[in-house]
C-alpha cells in the first residue's frame, strides 16, 4: 500500500466492471477543468473508442452521459479552459456550483459515487466509491485514490451514513435549484449507498467514513498514535499540531509550504519534500536510461498512525490545515488493520519505497506573504457565489445574450474586472467596481450560445485570475444542442460513426475501416450498403426509442439546410423514411 509505482488513472477507476454499464454517478470536487470533465464520459465507452481521439465519440459520450452524471464543485473554481469548444454546452446540466459552507471556508471534498447495472439485468447492481485526493483537473501530480467496490445489502449500514448524508445535502448547498428528477436520482443513489456492503481492501480489517463541515466532529482520539506519517501539500502550524497529535512525526509536504511554517515547531518533526530527480524520473530496471513519470508536485493527502500493532490509514481531501478541520467540507476514509500487514511499519524506514522519491527538507527563504493572486481568487469565489442569469434574445442578425449578475466589489487601485462568454473571447466587457453586472454580448451563432461565462480580475501590475461561472440560461433556442451536433457531424463518415455510437454499437461492420470520401474506391454509400441496418434501426425503435428520437432531430437539422444535404449517406433517406414512419405511428398511438 502507498507504493509509488502502484499507479492508476482516474478514468480507468471510473470504468464499469466487465458486463456492466454506468447507471448513475455523482462526483464532488473543489476545482474543475471543463476539458477534463469532458473526458469523464469516455470512461463509459469501450477502451478502444475512448482511446481513439475521435471527436464524434467524445461528443456522443458526453451527450449520452449528461443525464447520468452530476458533478458538484466549489463556486468560482472552474478554471479558464484552453479551448472554446461548443461541446462544453453538454456539460451545463451536469455541473452544479456549491456555495462556501461558511465565510472563509470551502467546499473541498473529492469523491465519486457510482452505480453500475448489468447489461443483461438492471436488477444486478454494483456500487463503487472513489475517494481521490485530486480534483477533476488535468494536473499531473502525485495523488492518492482509494477505490471501494461493493454490492447492495438487505438493509442500511450505519457506517455508510456520513457519505449518504453528504450526497443528500448537496442539493441544499447548490447556488441554483436542481431539477427534481436529478434530485430524485441523487437521493436514490444515496439510499443505495447507505446499504452497500463494501469489499475490504487486502489486509484491511475495518473502514469508516468521516465527513467534515456538516456538523460532524471527529473523535477526540482521531489522531492519537505513537507514530505519525503526514502527507499533505498544504499545512499550517495549527493544522499540523492537530494531525500529529502534538507528537513528533514524519511530514511530507511542499517546499514552499514548509518554508512558511514556524521553524521551532517544525524542528521536532522529520520533514521531507519530493525529490525531483526520483519523483519525476523512474528506473526501468532493465539497464536503460530512466524515463519520465509524467508527474510533478505533491497533491496527495494521507495521515498514517501507528498505535501498538495496529495502524490507521486516513485518506481523503483534508490537508493539515486549520481550515480543513474547522469549517471546510471534507471527506476522510479510515482503513484499519495490522501495521505490519498493511506495510505501514516499512513506511517509517529509511529504505522504504516511499522514501525513494523523497529528499530531506532544507529550509529556504519564506515565501512572500503578499499573495495577490490568492486574493483575486478569493474575490472571484465570492463573486461567483452570486446569482448570474444569461438571457437570450434572437434577432434577424443572430442571438444576443444579456448577462446579469452581482455587483463588482471594491477593487484595489488600478484593478479591473471583465466578463465574457466562454465561446467568444472578443466579446470581453469591463464592469466598473460597485456596479451590478449587466452586459449584452452578440450577435452570435446558435452554437456560440453558452451558460458558461468567464470572469477575469486583473491588477494594475498585470497579475490576473480567472474563473468560469455557470449562469442560469434563459430563452435559449430549443434546438441549440441539436445544432451543435449537426455542425460537428459534417461528413457522411462522421454521420455513420455518430449513428453507430447512438445505437450503442461502438463500431459495427458498416462503420469500420471507412476511407475518407474522395480516396480511391471509397464512399459513404459503400460502407452503408451492408445488410442489416434497417433491422438494427427497427430493433432500436423497440428497445431504445429515445435514441431514435435523438436521431430524428439530427436528421431534421441536417435536412433543414441545403448545404448539409450531402452529409446523409446515399441510401439513408430511404431507409430512414421507413423507420421514421413507424416511429411517428408509435408516437401517435402513445
Protein backbone atom coordinates (compact mmCIF):
# COMPACT_ATOMS: atom_id res chain seq x y z
CA UNK A 1 0.00 0.00 0.00
CA UNK A 2 1.21 3.52 -0.89
CA UNK A 3 3.78 2.13 -3.32
CA UNK A 4 4.98 4.91 -5.68
CA UNK A 5 4.94 2.53 -8.65
CA UNK A 6 1.39 1.32 -7.98
CA UNK A 7 -0.28 3.81 -10.29
CA UNK A 8 -3.75 4.00 -11.76
CA UNK A 9 -5.64 6.51 -13.87
CA UNK A 10 -8.88 8.07 -12.66
CA UNK A 11 -10.59 7.26 -15.96
CA UNK A 12 -9.68 3.59 -15.51
CA UNK A 13 -11.07 3.64 -11.98
CA UNK A 14 -14.37 5.00 -13.33
CA UNK A 15 -14.68 2.24 -15.92
CA UNK A 16 -17.58 -0.17 -15.21
CA UNK A 17 -16.85 -3.79 -14.29
CA UNK A 18 -16.92 -6.19 -17.24
CA UNK A 19 -20.51 -6.79 -18.32
CA UNK A 20 -21.86 -3.69 -16.56
CA UNK A 21 -22.67 -0.13 -17.57
CA UNK A 22 -22.99 3.14 -15.69
CA UNK A 23 -26.50 3.76 -14.40
CA UNK A 24 -25.80 6.95 -12.44
CA UNK A 25 -22.86 8.70 -10.82
CA UNK A 26 -22.16 11.69 -8.59
CA UNK A 27 -18.86 13.47 -8.10
CA UNK A 28 -17.69 16.24 -5.80
CA UNK A 29 -14.58 18.31 -6.41
CA UNK A 30 -13.04 21.58 -5.29
CA UNK A 31 -11.63 22.76 -8.62
CA UNK A 32 -12.65 21.67 -12.08
CA UNK A 33 -11.33 21.88 -15.64
CA UNK A 34 -14.04 21.80 -18.31
CA UNK A 35 -11.90 19.81 -20.73
CA UNK A 36 -11.17 17.23 -18.01
CA UNK A 37 -14.88 16.99 -17.19
CA UNK A 38 -15.50 16.35 -20.90
CA UNK A 39 -13.17 13.36 -20.77
CA UNK A 40 -15.02 11.61 -17.92
CA UNK A 41 -17.80 10.11 -20.10
CA UNK A 42 -15.11 8.43 -22.20
CA UNK A 43 -14.68 6.05 -19.24
CA UNK A 44 -18.06 4.58 -20.07
CA UNK A 45 -17.19 3.79 -23.70
CA UNK A 46 -15.19 0.79 -24.83
CA UNK A 47 -11.48 1.29 -24.24
CA UNK A 48 -10.80 1.25 -27.99
CA UNK A 49 -13.27 4.05 -28.66
CA UNK A 50 -12.17 6.01 -25.61
CA UNK A 51 -8.56 5.92 -26.79
CA UNK A 52 -9.39 6.74 -30.41
CA UNK A 53 -9.35 10.51 -30.01
CA UNK A 54 -12.48 10.63 -32.19
CA UNK A 55 -14.28 13.96 -31.53
CA UNK A 56 -17.58 12.37 -32.58
CA UNK A 57 -17.11 9.66 -29.95
CA UNK A 58 -16.33 12.34 -27.36
CA UNK A 59 -19.41 14.38 -28.24
CA UNK A 60 -21.75 11.40 -28.17
CA UNK A 61 -20.23 10.13 -24.91
CA UNK A 62 -20.82 13.49 -23.23
CA UNK A 63 -24.32 13.83 -24.68
CA UNK A 64 -25.31 10.33 -23.60
CA UNK A 65 -23.87 10.71 -20.09
CA UNK A 66 -25.44 14.10 -19.36
CA UNK A 67 -28.50 12.52 -17.72
CA UNK A 68 -26.42 10.01 -15.74
CA UNK A 69 -23.90 12.30 -14.08
CA UNK A 70 -23.98 15.15 -11.58
CA UNK A 71 -20.76 16.94 -10.60
CA UNK A 72 -20.63 19.39 -7.69
CA UNK A 73 -17.82 21.93 -7.34
CA UNK A 74 -16.90 25.00 -5.31
CA UNK A 75 -18.39 28.10 -6.94
CA UNK A 76 -15.71 30.14 -8.67
CA UNK A 77 -13.32 27.21 -9.07
CA UNK A 78 -13.92 26.21 -12.69
CA UNK A 79 -10.65 27.10 -14.38
CA UNK A 80 -10.23 29.04 -17.60
CA UNK A 81 -10.41 26.42 -20.39
CA UNK A 82 -7.65 26.18 -23.00
CA UNK A 83 -10.24 25.92 -25.79
CA UNK A 84 -13.71 27.25 -26.52
CA UNK A 85 -15.35 24.03 -27.64
CA UNK A 86 -19.12 24.23 -28.21
CA UNK A 87 -19.28 20.71 -26.73
CA UNK A 88 -18.89 22.36 -23.30
CA UNK A 89 -22.61 23.16 -23.59
CA UNK A 90 -23.45 19.49 -23.00
CA UNK A 91 -21.93 19.83 -19.51
CA UNK A 92 -24.31 22.61 -18.45
CA UNK A 93 -26.93 20.33 -16.82
CA UNK A 94 -24.21 18.16 -15.25
CA UNK A 95 -22.29 20.81 -13.27
CA UNK A 96 -23.55 22.35 -10.03
CA UNK A 97 -21.80 25.19 -8.20
CA UNK A 98 -21.78 24.96 -4.40
CA UNK A 99 -21.53 27.94 -2.06
CA UNK A 100 -18.99 28.26 0.74
CA UNK A 101 -20.07 26.32 3.86
CA UNK A 102 -19.24 29.47 5.83
CA UNK A 103 -17.18 32.62 5.38
CA UNK A 104 -13.52 31.92 4.70
CA UNK A 105 -14.03 28.18 4.19
CA UNK A 106 -14.51 25.96 1.17
CA UNK A 107 -16.41 23.06 -0.32
CA UNK A 108 -13.42 20.73 -0.67
CA UNK A 109 -14.43 17.01 -0.74
CA UNK A 110 -13.37 14.73 -3.58
CA UNK A 111 -15.40 11.62 -4.21
CA UNK A 112 -17.14 9.61 -6.91
CA UNK A 113 -20.21 7.54 -6.00
CA UNK A 114 -21.18 5.26 -8.88
CA UNK A 115 -23.92 2.74 -9.52
CA UNK A 116 -23.47 0.21 -12.32
CA UNK A 117 -26.09 -2.21 -13.64
CA UNK A 118 -25.54 -5.42 -15.58
CA UNK A 119 -26.00 -5.24 -19.34
CA UNK A 120 -28.48 -8.13 -19.23
CA UNK A 121 -30.18 -7.49 -15.87
CA UNK A 122 -30.76 -3.99 -14.46
CA UNK A 123 -31.57 -5.54 -11.08
CA UNK A 124 -27.95 -6.71 -10.83
CA UNK A 125 -26.31 -3.67 -9.22
CA UNK A 126 -22.68 -2.98 -8.36
CA UNK A 127 -21.58 0.06 -6.36
CA UNK A 128 -18.26 1.87 -6.38
CA UNK A 129 -16.87 4.68 -4.26
CA UNK A 130 -13.72 6.52 -5.28
CA UNK A 131 -12.04 8.89 -2.84
CA UNK A 132 -9.19 10.59 -4.69
CA UNK A 133 -7.01 13.35 -3.34
CA UNK A 134 -7.03 15.08 -6.72
CA UNK A 135 -9.58 17.43 -8.19
CA UNK A 136 -11.27 16.99 -11.55
CA UNK A 137 -8.39 18.68 -13.34
CA UNK A 138 -5.61 17.83 -15.76
CA UNK A 139 -2.89 18.34 -13.14
CA UNK A 140 -0.14 15.70 -13.31
CA UNK A 141 0.83 15.50 -9.66
CA UNK A 142 1.45 12.74 -7.11
CA UNK A 143 -2.00 11.82 -5.81
CA UNK A 144 -3.81 9.05 -3.99
CA UNK A 145 -7.08 7.35 -4.88
CA UNK A 146 -8.99 4.85 -2.75
CA UNK A 147 -11.34 2.56 -4.67
CA UNK A 148 -14.06 0.63 -2.85
CA UNK A 149 -16.38 -1.81 -4.63
CA UNK A 150 -19.47 -3.29 -3.12
CA UNK A 151 -22.92 -4.78 -3.53
CA UNK A 152 -26.31 -3.86 -2.12
CA UNK A 153 -27.13 -5.49 1.21
CA UNK A 154 -30.54 -6.19 2.73
CA UNK A 155 -30.60 -3.12 4.96
CA UNK A 156 -28.88 0.13 5.95
CA UNK A 157 -25.24 0.01 7.02
CA UNK A 158 -24.75 2.56 9.78
CA UNK A 159 -21.12 3.21 8.87
CA UNK A 160 -22.13 4.49 5.43
CA UNK A 161 -24.28 7.31 6.84
CA UNK A 162 -21.66 10.11 6.59
CA UNK A 163 -21.28 9.64 2.82
CA UNK A 164 -25.00 9.13 2.21
CA UNK A 165 -25.75 12.26 4.25
CA UNK A 166 -23.23 14.25 2.20
CA UNK A 167 -24.97 13.24 -1.03
CA UNK A 168 -28.42 14.18 0.22
CA UNK A 169 -27.10 17.54 1.48
CA UNK A 170 -25.65 18.54 -1.90
CA UNK A 171 -28.83 20.00 -3.47
CA UNK A 172 -29.28 22.31 -0.46
CA UNK A 173 -25.72 23.59 -0.86
CA UNK A 174 -26.08 24.50 -4.54
CA UNK A 175 -26.41 28.06 -5.78
CA UNK A 176 -29.18 27.06 -8.19
CA UNK A 177 -32.13 24.77 -7.62
CA UNK A 178 -31.52 21.31 -9.03
CA UNK A 179 -34.22 19.88 -11.31
CA UNK A 180 -36.49 17.50 -9.35
CA UNK A 181 -35.56 14.50 -11.49
CA UNK A 182 -31.86 14.98 -10.74
CA UNK A 183 -32.53 15.39 -7.03
CA UNK A 184 -34.59 12.19 -7.07
CA UNK A 185 -31.76 10.26 -8.76
CA UNK A 186 -29.29 11.63 -6.23
CA UNK A 187 -31.49 10.61 -3.30
CA UNK A 188 -31.90 7.12 -4.77
CA UNK A 189 -28.14 6.76 -5.12
CA UNK A 190 -27.65 7.89 -1.51
CA UNK A 191 -30.19 5.28 -0.42
CA UNK A 192 -28.31 2.55 -2.29
CA UNK A 193 -25.01 3.79 -0.90
CA UNK A 194 -26.45 3.60 2.62
CA UNK A 195 -26.99 -0.17 2.28
CA UNK A 196 -23.84 -1.04 0.34
CA UNK A 197 -21.60 -3.73 1.78
CA UNK A 198 -18.04 -2.84 0.77
CA UNK A 199 -15.31 -5.30 -0.14
CA UNK A 200 -12.43 -4.51 2.20
CA UNK A 201 -9.03 -3.91 0.57
CA UNK A 202 -6.37 -6.52 1.23
CA UNK A 203 -5.20 -6.65 4.88
CA UNK A 204 -7.83 -4.08 5.94
CA UNK A 205 -9.93 -5.27 8.87
CA UNK A 206 -12.31 -2.32 9.07
CA UNK A 207 -13.08 1.01 7.44
CA UNK A 208 -15.02 4.12 8.41
CA UNK A 209 -16.08 7.41 6.85
CA UNK A 210 -15.94 10.93 8.24
CA UNK A 211 -17.40 13.99 6.52
CA UNK A 212 -16.40 17.34 7.99
CA UNK A 213 -18.18 20.66 7.70
CA UNK A 214 -21.74 19.37 8.00
CA UNK A 215 -21.96 19.46 11.79
CA UNK A 216 -19.93 16.31 12.46
CA UNK A 217 -16.92 16.40 14.81
CA UNK A 218 -14.03 13.97 14.80
CA UNK A 219 -13.50 11.71 17.79
CA UNK A 220 -11.13 13.14 20.40
CA UNK A 221 -8.62 10.32 19.75
CA UNK A 222 -8.85 10.52 15.95
CA UNK A 223 -5.17 11.44 15.58
CA UNK A 224 -3.77 9.68 18.66
CA UNK A 225 -0.85 7.35 17.96
CA UNK A 226 2.77 6.75 18.86
CA UNK A 227 3.96 7.17 15.25
CA UNK A 228 2.61 9.57 12.63
CA UNK A 229 3.23 9.98 8.91
CA UNK A 230 1.64 13.09 7.43
CA UNK A 231 1.46 13.61 3.67
CA UNK A 232 -0.11 16.97 2.91
CA UNK A 233 0.75 19.55 0.22
CA UNK A 234 -0.69 22.34 2.37
CA UNK A 235 -0.03 22.69 6.11
CA UNK A 236 -0.45 25.32 8.79
CA UNK A 237 1.09 25.32 12.25
CA UNK A 238 -2.25 24.66 13.93
CA UNK A 239 -3.31 22.06 11.40
CA UNK A 240 -0.04 20.17 11.72
CA UNK A 241 -0.39 20.16 15.50
CA UNK A 242 -3.86 18.64 15.09
CA UNK A 243 -2.95 15.79 12.74
CA UNK A 244 0.22 14.83 14.63
CA UNK A 245 -1.49 14.77 18.00
CA UNK A 246 1.19 17.16 19.24
CA UNK A 247 3.90 14.47 18.90
CA UNK A 248 6.98 14.25 16.63
CA UNK A 249 6.05 12.97 13.18
CA UNK A 250 7.33 12.28 9.69
CA UNK A 251 5.96 15.05 7.47
CA UNK A 252 5.94 15.11 3.66
CA UNK A 253 4.89 18.38 2.06
CA UNK A 254 5.92 21.00 -0.49
CA UNK A 255 8.99 23.19 -0.16
CA UNK A 256 7.02 26.44 -0.12
CA UNK A 257 4.58 25.08 2.45
CA UNK A 258 7.29 24.01 4.89
CA UNK A 259 9.16 27.29 4.39
CA UNK A 260 6.08 29.14 5.62
CA UNK A 261 5.75 27.20 8.90
CA UNK A 262 7.17 28.09 12.30
CA UNK A 263 10.75 26.79 12.32
CA UNK A 264 10.72 25.91 16.02
CA UNK A 265 7.54 23.85 15.76
CA UNK A 266 8.78 22.22 12.57
CA UNK A 267 12.07 21.27 14.19
CA UNK A 268 10.53 18.44 16.19
CA UNK A 269 9.38 16.67 13.02
CA UNK A 270 11.29 14.71 10.39
CA UNK A 271 10.45 16.62 7.20
CA UNK A 272 10.67 15.68 3.53
CA UNK A 273 9.76 17.02 0.10
CA UNK A 274 9.57 15.28 -3.26
CA UNK A 275 12.95 14.67 -4.84
CA UNK A 276 12.65 15.91 -8.46
CA UNK A 277 15.40 13.51 -9.55
CA UNK A 278 13.47 10.44 -8.45
CA UNK A 279 9.83 11.58 -8.36
CA UNK A 280 9.89 12.90 -11.93
CA UNK A 281 12.09 10.11 -13.35
CA UNK A 282 11.95 6.36 -12.76
CA UNK A 283 14.35 3.48 -13.21
CA UNK A 284 13.01 0.95 -15.70
CA UNK A 285 15.01 -1.81 -14.03
CA UNK A 286 16.41 -3.04 -17.33
CA UNK A 287 19.61 -1.01 -17.56
CA UNK A 288 18.13 1.57 -19.92
CA UNK A 289 18.03 5.29 -19.19
CA UNK A 290 15.39 6.42 -16.67
CA UNK A 291 12.09 7.58 -18.14
CA UNK A 292 9.85 10.43 -17.06
CA UNK A 293 6.99 9.59 -14.72
CA UNK A 294 4.98 12.47 -16.14
CA UNK A 295 4.26 13.53 -12.56
CA UNK A 296 5.40 16.67 -10.81
CA UNK A 297 4.44 18.20 -7.49
CA UNK A 298 2.58 16.80 -4.50
CA UNK A 299 -1.20 16.72 -4.14
CA UNK A 300 -1.70 13.52 -2.15
CA UNK A 301 -3.22 13.74 1.34
CA UNK A 302 -2.79 10.95 3.84
CA UNK A 303 -2.48 10.62 7.61
CA UNK A 304 -1.00 7.36 8.90
CA UNK A 305 -0.97 6.46 12.58
CA UNK A 306 0.56 3.50 14.41
CA UNK A 307 -0.70 2.55 17.84
CA UNK A 308 0.69 -0.72 19.10
CA UNK A 309 0.42 -3.32 16.37
CA UNK A 310 -2.47 -1.60 14.64
CA UNK A 311 -2.40 1.13 12.03
CA UNK A 312 -4.89 3.65 10.73
CA UNK A 313 -4.54 4.98 7.20
CA UNK A 314 -6.72 8.04 6.75
CA UNK A 315 -7.06 9.24 3.14
CA UNK A 316 -9.26 11.87 1.57
CA UNK A 317 -9.47 15.55 0.77
CA UNK A 318 -8.31 17.19 4.01
CA UNK A 319 -4.97 18.97 4.23
CA UNK A 320 -3.15 19.51 7.52
CA UNK A 321 -4.68 22.97 7.97
CA UNK A 322 -6.97 24.64 10.48
CA UNK A 323 -9.50 25.34 7.71
CA UNK A 324 -9.82 21.64 6.89
CA UNK A 325 -10.90 20.75 10.42
CA UNK A 326 -12.74 23.92 11.39
CA UNK A 327 -15.20 24.67 8.61
CA UNK A 328 -14.35 23.20 5.21
CA UNK A 329 -16.49 20.41 3.83
CA UNK A 330 -14.06 17.47 3.60
CA UNK A 331 -14.13 13.68 3.46
CA UNK A 332 -11.78 11.20 5.13
CA UNK A 333 -11.83 7.42 4.91
CA UNK A 334 -10.03 5.43 7.61
CA UNK A 335 -8.61 1.99 6.86
CA UNK A 336 -7.69 -0.08 9.92
CA UNK A 337 -5.51 -3.17 10.10
CA UNK A 338 -2.25 -4.72 11.20
CA UNK A 339 0.61 -2.24 10.82
CA UNK A 340 2.89 -4.99 9.55
CA UNK A 341 0.43 -6.46 7.03
CA UNK A 342 -0.59 -3.04 5.70
CA UNK A 343 3.05 -2.19 5.13
CA UNK A 344 2.84 0.81 7.43
CA UNK A 345 5.81 -0.34 9.51
CA UNK A 346 8.04 -0.21 6.44
CA UNK A 347 6.91 3.29 5.51
CA UNK A 348 8.75 4.70 8.50
CA UNK A 349 12.01 3.02 7.46
CA UNK A 350 14.77 4.83 5.56
CA UNK A 351 14.81 2.11 2.88
CA UNK A 352 11.08 2.28 2.11
CA UNK A 353 9.87 2.74 -1.47
CA UNK A 354 8.17 5.97 -0.41
CA UNK A 355 11.48 7.38 0.81
CA UNK A 356 12.97 6.63 -2.62
CA UNK A 357 11.08 9.56 -4.15
CA UNK A 358 11.73 11.95 -1.23
CA UNK A 359 14.58 14.13 -0.10
CA UNK A 360 15.12 15.77 3.28
CA UNK A 361 13.68 19.25 3.57
CA UNK A 362 16.23 22.07 3.53
CA UNK A 363 14.82 25.45 4.65
CA UNK A 364 14.83 28.31 2.19
CA UNK A 365 13.65 31.90 2.44
CA UNK A 366 10.00 32.11 3.45
CA UNK A 367 7.66 32.89 0.55
CA UNK A 368 6.27 36.38 0.04
CA UNK A 369 3.06 36.63 2.06
CA UNK A 370 1.59 39.22 -0.32
CA UNK A 371 -0.43 36.63 -2.24
CA UNK A 372 -2.13 38.90 -4.77
CA UNK A 373 -3.25 36.01 -6.99
CA UNK A 374 -4.77 34.29 -3.95
CA UNK A 375 -6.65 37.45 -3.01
CA UNK A 376 -8.01 37.71 -6.53
CA UNK A 377 -9.04 34.06 -6.33
CA UNK A 378 -10.99 34.71 -3.13
CA UNK A 379 -12.64 37.70 -4.79
CA UNK A 380 -13.73 35.51 -7.70
CA UNK A 381 -15.10 32.78 -5.40
CA UNK A 382 -17.25 35.33 -3.59
CA UNK A 383 -18.33 36.95 -6.85
CA UNK A 384 -19.13 33.59 -8.45
CA UNK A 385 -21.32 32.71 -5.46
CA UNK A 386 -23.85 35.33 -6.57
CA UNK A 387 -26.78 34.85 -8.93
CA UNK A 388 -25.97 35.01 -12.65
CA UNK A 389 -28.57 34.96 -15.40
CA UNK A 390 -27.90 34.80 -19.14
CA UNK A 391 -31.00 35.78 -21.13
CA UNK A 392 -31.04 35.00 -24.85
CA UNK A 393 -32.77 37.22 -27.40
CA UNK A 394 -32.98 36.07 -31.02
CA UNK A 395 -32.77 38.65 -33.81
CA UNK A 396 -32.53 38.62 -37.60
CA UNK A 397 -28.78 39.07 -37.29
CA UNK A 398 -28.07 36.39 -34.70
CA UNK A 399 -28.53 35.90 -30.98
CA UNK A 400 -27.84 38.32 -28.13
CA UNK A 401 -27.10 37.32 -24.53
CA UNK A 402 -27.79 39.70 -21.67
CA UNK A 403 -25.67 38.71 -18.67
CA UNK A 404 -26.84 39.97 -15.29
CA UNK A 405 -25.05 39.29 -12.04
CA UNK A 406 -23.97 40.64 -8.64
CA UNK A 407 -22.17 43.92 -8.10
CA UNK A 408 -18.42 44.01 -8.55
CA UNK A 409 -16.84 44.66 -5.11
CA UNK A 410 -14.46 47.49 -4.37
CA UNK A 411 -11.18 46.77 -6.15
CA UNK A 412 -7.58 47.79 -5.47
CA UNK A 413 -6.49 50.94 -7.30
CA UNK A 414 -5.98 50.19 -10.98
CA UNK A 415 -7.62 46.76 -10.88
CA UNK A 416 -10.34 45.79 -13.35
CA UNK A 417 -12.88 43.01 -13.90
CA UNK A 418 -14.05 41.76 -17.28
CA UNK A 419 -16.73 39.25 -18.25
CA UNK A 420 -17.25 37.32 -21.47
CA UNK A 421 -18.89 34.17 -22.82
CA UNK A 422 -16.57 31.16 -22.91
CA UNK A 423 -17.19 30.73 -26.64
CA UNK A 424 -16.32 34.25 -27.89
CA UNK A 425 -13.24 35.90 -26.30
CA UNK A 426 -13.70 39.04 -28.43
CA UNK A 427 -16.86 39.91 -26.50
CA UNK A 428 -14.98 40.66 -23.25
CA UNK A 429 -16.52 43.65 -21.47
CA UNK A 430 -15.29 45.57 -18.43
CA UNK A 431 -17.63 46.06 -15.48
CA UNK A 432 -16.90 49.05 -13.18
CA UNK A 433 -16.48 48.45 -9.43
CA UNK A 434 -19.57 48.65 -7.22
CA UNK A 435 -21.89 48.23 -10.21
CA UNK A 436 -24.16 45.29 -10.96
CA UNK A 437 -23.08 43.13 -13.87
CA UNK A 438 -25.38 43.96 -16.80
CA UNK A 439 -23.71 43.34 -20.15
CA UNK A 440 -25.09 42.28 -23.54
CA UNK A 441 -23.00 40.10 -25.84
CA UNK A 442 -23.56 39.45 -29.53
CA UNK A 443 -24.64 38.89 -32.12
CA UNK A 444 -23.56 35.24 -32.11
CA UNK A 445 -24.33 31.94 -33.81
CA UNK A 446 -26.61 29.45 -32.10
CA UNK A 447 -23.70 27.12 -31.27
CA UNK A 448 -21.91 30.02 -29.53
CA UNK A 449 -24.72 30.43 -27.01
CA UNK A 450 -23.41 29.17 -23.68
CA UNK A 451 -24.25 29.34 -20.00
CA UNK A 452 -20.53 29.40 -19.21
CA UNK A 453 -19.16 32.88 -18.53
CA UNK A 454 -15.54 33.79 -17.80
CA UNK A 455 -14.78 36.42 -15.15
CA UNK A 456 -11.25 37.83 -15.06
CA UNK A 457 -9.81 40.12 -12.38
CA UNK A 458 -6.55 41.93 -13.22
CA UNK A 459 -4.42 44.25 -11.08
CA UNK A 460 -2.58 47.28 -12.40
CA UNK A 461 0.63 45.21 -12.16
CA UNK A 462 -0.75 42.65 -14.58
CA UNK A 463 -1.50 39.91 -12.04
CA UNK A 464 -4.73 38.22 -13.07
CA UNK A 465 -7.05 35.40 -12.07
CA UNK A 466 -10.00 33.95 -13.95
CA UNK A 467 -12.95 31.76 -13.10
CA UNK A 468 -15.78 30.24 -15.10
CA UNK A 469 -19.32 30.80 -13.86
CA UNK A 470 -22.31 28.71 -14.92
CA UNK A 471 -25.18 31.17 -15.35
CA UNK A 472 -28.87 30.29 -15.46
CA UNK A 473 -29.54 30.25 -19.21
CA UNK A 474 -32.97 31.65 -20.11
CA UNK A 475 -34.61 31.74 -23.53
CA UNK A 476 -32.04 29.69 -25.43
CA UNK A 477 -33.33 28.13 -28.67
CA UNK A 478 -34.77 24.69 -28.07
CA UNK A 479 -32.65 23.27 -30.88
CA UNK A 480 -29.34 24.66 -29.59
CA UNK A 481 -27.73 21.34 -28.64
CA UNK A 482 -29.10 19.63 -31.74
CA UNK A 483 -27.49 22.37 -33.84
CA UNK A 484 -24.15 21.83 -32.09
CA UNK A 485 -24.33 18.14 -33.00
CA UNK A 486 -25.32 18.94 -36.59
CA UNK A 487 -22.36 21.28 -37.03
CA UNK A 488 -19.96 18.66 -35.68
CA UNK A 489 -21.43 15.87 -37.82
CA UNK A 490 -20.48 17.47 -41.13
CA UNK A 491 -19.47 14.49 -43.32
CA UNK A 492 -21.13 11.16 -44.19
CA UNK A 493 -18.35 9.33 -42.35
CA UNK A 494 -18.97 11.31 -39.16
CA UNK A 495 -22.71 10.70 -39.53
CA UNK A 496 -22.17 6.94 -39.69
CA UNK A 497 -19.88 7.00 -36.65
CA UNK A 498 -22.43 9.06 -34.74
CA UNK A 499 -25.21 6.67 -35.79
CA UNK A 500 -23.19 3.67 -34.60
CA UNK A 501 -22.49 5.31 -31.24
CA UNK A 502 -26.10 6.44 -30.89
CA UNK A 503 -27.29 2.87 -31.35
CA UNK A 504 -24.82 1.76 -28.69
CA UNK A 505 -22.90 -0.40 -31.13
CA UNK A 506 -19.45 1.14 -30.91
CA UNK A 507 -18.13 0.45 -34.42
CA UNK A 508 -20.33 -2.01 -36.41
CA UNK A 509 -19.17 -3.55 -39.64
CA UNK A 510 -20.65 -0.85 -41.83
CA UNK A 511 -18.77 1.88 -39.89
CA UNK A 512 -15.38 0.19 -39.56
CA UNK A 513 -12.46 0.91 -41.83
CA UNK A 514 -14.22 3.58 -43.84
CA UNK A 515 -11.87 5.52 -46.04
CA UNK A 516 -12.36 9.27 -46.33
CA UNK A 517 -14.71 10.21 -49.14
CA UNK A 518 -12.62 11.09 -52.16
CA UNK A 519 -9.99 8.43 -51.58
CA UNK A 520 -9.57 5.59 -54.05
CA UNK A 521 -12.57 3.27 -54.05
CA UNK A 522 -14.16 4.92 -51.03
CA UNK A 523 -17.63 6.29 -50.47
CA UNK A 524 -20.01 6.53 -47.57
CA UNK A 525 -22.54 4.65 -49.65
CA UNK A 526 -20.22 1.66 -49.98
CA UNK A 527 -19.92 1.36 -46.24
CA UNK A 528 -23.64 1.93 -45.92
CA UNK A 529 -24.88 -0.80 -48.21
CA UNK A 530 -24.13 -3.61 -45.75
CA UNK A 531 -27.30 -5.58 -44.87
CA UNK A 532 -28.98 -5.34 -41.54
CA UNK A 533 -29.13 -1.60 -40.95
CA UNK A 534 -32.92 -1.45 -41.32
CA UNK A 535 -33.25 -4.30 -38.85
CA UNK A 536 -30.91 -2.57 -36.41
CA UNK A 537 -32.90 0.65 -36.57
CA UNK A 538 -36.21 -1.19 -36.13
CA UNK A 539 -34.80 -3.07 -33.14
CA UNK A 540 -33.66 0.22 -31.62
CA UNK A 541 -37.17 1.54 -32.14
CA UNK A 542 -38.46 -1.22 -29.87
CA UNK A 543 -35.66 -1.37 -27.30
CA UNK A 544 -34.43 2.25 -27.19
CA UNK A 545 -36.99 4.55 -28.83
CA UNK A 546 -35.44 7.63 -27.22
CA UNK A 547 -32.28 7.11 -29.26
CA UNK A 548 -34.23 7.32 -32.49
CA UNK A 549 -35.91 10.49 -31.27
CA UNK A 550 -32.40 11.95 -30.97
CA UNK A 551 -31.57 10.69 -34.46
CA UNK A 552 -34.77 12.19 -35.87
CA UNK A 553 -33.84 15.61 -34.58
CA UNK A 554 -30.38 15.36 -36.14
CA UNK A 555 -31.78 14.24 -39.50
CA UNK A 556 -34.24 17.14 -39.40
CA UNK A 557 -31.43 19.61 -38.63
CA UNK A 558 -29.28 18.26 -41.45
CA UNK A 559 -32.19 18.37 -43.87
CA UNK A 560 -33.12 21.93 -42.94
CA UNK A 561 -30.14 23.37 -44.80
CA UNK A 562 -29.38 22.69 -48.46
CA UNK A 563 -25.64 22.79 -47.87
CA UNK A 564 -25.92 19.95 -45.35
CA UNK A 565 -27.87 17.55 -47.53
CA UNK A 566 -24.71 15.76 -48.63
CA UNK A 567 -23.94 14.77 -45.03
CA UNK A 568 -26.56 11.99 -45.13
CA UNK A 569 -25.05 8.93 -46.85
CA UNK A 570 -26.59 7.74 -50.11
CA UNK A 571 -29.48 5.43 -49.41
CA UNK A 572 -30.03 6.53 -45.83
CA UNK A 573 -33.07 8.72 -46.56
CA UNK A 574 -34.97 5.76 -47.99
CA UNK A 575 -34.19 3.54 -45.01
CA UNK A 576 -34.94 6.32 -42.55
CA UNK A 577 -38.30 7.09 -44.19
CA UNK A 578 -39.49 3.57 -43.37
CA UNK A 579 -38.23 3.67 -39.77
CA UNK A 580 -39.44 7.20 -39.13
CA UNK A 581 -42.94 6.37 -40.36
CA UNK A 582 -43.17 3.56 -37.80
CA UNK A 583 -41.71 5.84 -35.12
CA UNK A 584 -44.34 8.50 -35.79
CA UNK A 585 -47.14 5.93 -35.76
CA UNK A 586 -45.96 4.73 -32.35
CA UNK A 587 -45.93 8.30 -31.05
CA UNK A 588 -49.48 8.85 -32.32
CA UNK A 589 -50.72 5.70 -30.57
CA UNK A 590 -48.96 6.64 -27.33
